[in-house]
Amino acid sequence: GRLLIAKATTDTQSAAIGNQTGGRVGFFAHTDDFAGTQARLVDAGILFHEQPRHESYGTVAVFSDPFGNRWDLIEPKEQA
């Protein structure tokens, strides 16, 4: 899939880039191949802030996009 993020067109919008959510994770990208997706993102220059961790809902790690927005990359656990 692809994701398109709208471009800021005013000074007010530009001032908020990377801080729309006040420094917390505000966006979530789900994948069915965590390791492969993470490797492609790292190869593209994306910064991960932590090693992957295993939570009750699946595998997750926080990264920032080129604009400073914080994301969770998540591979949900399979439901039994």
Protein backbone atom coordinates (compact mmCIF):
# COMPACT_ATOMS: atom_id res chain seq x y z
CA GLY A 1 0.00 0.00 0.00
CA ARG A 2 0.88 3.65 -0.17
CA LEU A 3 0.34 6.57 2.15
CA LEU A 4 0.11 10.19 1.08
CA ILE A 5 0.62 12.92 3.66
CA ALA A 6 -0.82 16.33 2.76
CA LYS A 7 1.74 19.06 2.18
CA ALA A 8 1.61 22.13 4.43
CA THR A 9 0.45 25.16 2.46
CA THR A 10 0.42 27.91 5.10
CA ASP A 11 2.91 29.20 7.66
CA THR A 12 0.67 27.93 10.48
CA GLN A 13 0.60 24.44 8.97
CA SER A 14 4.36 24.49 8.36
CA ALA A 15 5.02 25.45 11.99
CA ALA A 16 3.17 22.32 13.17
CA ILE A 17 5.08 19.82 11.00
CA GLY A 18 6.47 17.06 13.19
CA ASN A 19 4.57 18.20 16.28
CA GLN A 20 0.93 17.64 15.37
CA THR A 21 0.57 15.24 18.29
CA GLY A 22 2.69 17.06 20.87
CA GLY A 23 5.62 14.65 20.67
CA ARG A 24 3.70 11.41 21.16
CA VAL A 25 3.07 8.67 18.63
CA GLY A 26 0.21 9.84 16.46
CA PHE A 27 0.25 7.45 13.53
CA PHE A 28 0.14 3.67 13.24
CA ALA A 29 1.36 1.50 10.36
CA HIS A 30 0.27 -2.14 10.42
CA THR A 31 2.24 -4.83 8.60
CA ASP A 32 2.16 -8.61 8.31
CA ASP A 33 5.97 -8.71 7.94
CA PHE A 34 7.53 -6.63 10.72
CA ALA A 35 11.16 -7.55 10.05
CA GLY A 36 10.90 -7.00 6.30
CA THR A 37 9.05 -3.70 6.63
CA GLN A 38 11.45 -2.42 9.27
CA ALA A 39 14.44 -3.37 7.11
CA ARG A 40 13.01 -1.50 4.10
CA LEU A 41 12.34 1.58 6.23
CA VAL A 42 15.86 1.53 7.71
CA ASP A 43 17.33 1.10 4.22
CA ALA A 44 15.35 4.19 3.18
CA GLY A 45 16.93 6.19 6.02
CA ILE A 46 14.08 6.06 8.54
CA LEU A 47 15.16 6.40 12.19
CA PHE A 48 13.80 3.88 14.70
CA HIS A 49 13.86 5.08 18.31
CA GLU A 50 13.88 1.63 19.88
CA GLN A 51 14.34 -2.05 19.24
CA PRO A 52 11.16 -4.00 18.42
CA ARG A 53 9.27 -5.09 21.51
CA HIS A 54 6.59 -7.70 21.99
CA GLU A 55 3.34 -6.49 23.51
CA SER A 56 0.06 -8.29 24.16
CA TYR A 57 -1.28 -6.97 20.84
CA GLY A 58 1.81 -7.74 18.72
CA THR A 59 5.31 -6.58 17.78
CA VAL A 60 5.88 -2.82 17.81
CA ALA A 61 8.62 -0.19 17.46
CA VAL A 62 8.51 3.61 17.26
CA PHE A 63 10.04 5.45 14.31
CA SER A 64 10.00 9.00 12.94
CA ASP A 65 9.21 9.93 9.37
CA PRO A 66 11.33 12.53 7.53
CA PHE A 67 9.12 15.31 8.94
CA GLY A 68 9.56 14.27 12.58
CA ASN A 69 6.16 12.61 13.02
CA ARG A 70 6.32 9.64 15.39
CA TRP A 71 4.80 6.36 14.23
CA ASP A 72 4.27 2.87 15.63
CA LEU A 73 5.15 0.07 13.23
CA ILE A 74 2.95 -2.81 14.36
CA GLU A 75 2.62 -6.43 13.37
CA PRO A 76 -0.57 -7.49 15.17
CA LYS A 77 -0.67 -10.87 16.87
CA GLU A 78 -2.67 -13.44 15.00
CA GLN A 79 -6.04 -14.02 16.60
CA ALA A 80 -6.67 -17.61 17.65
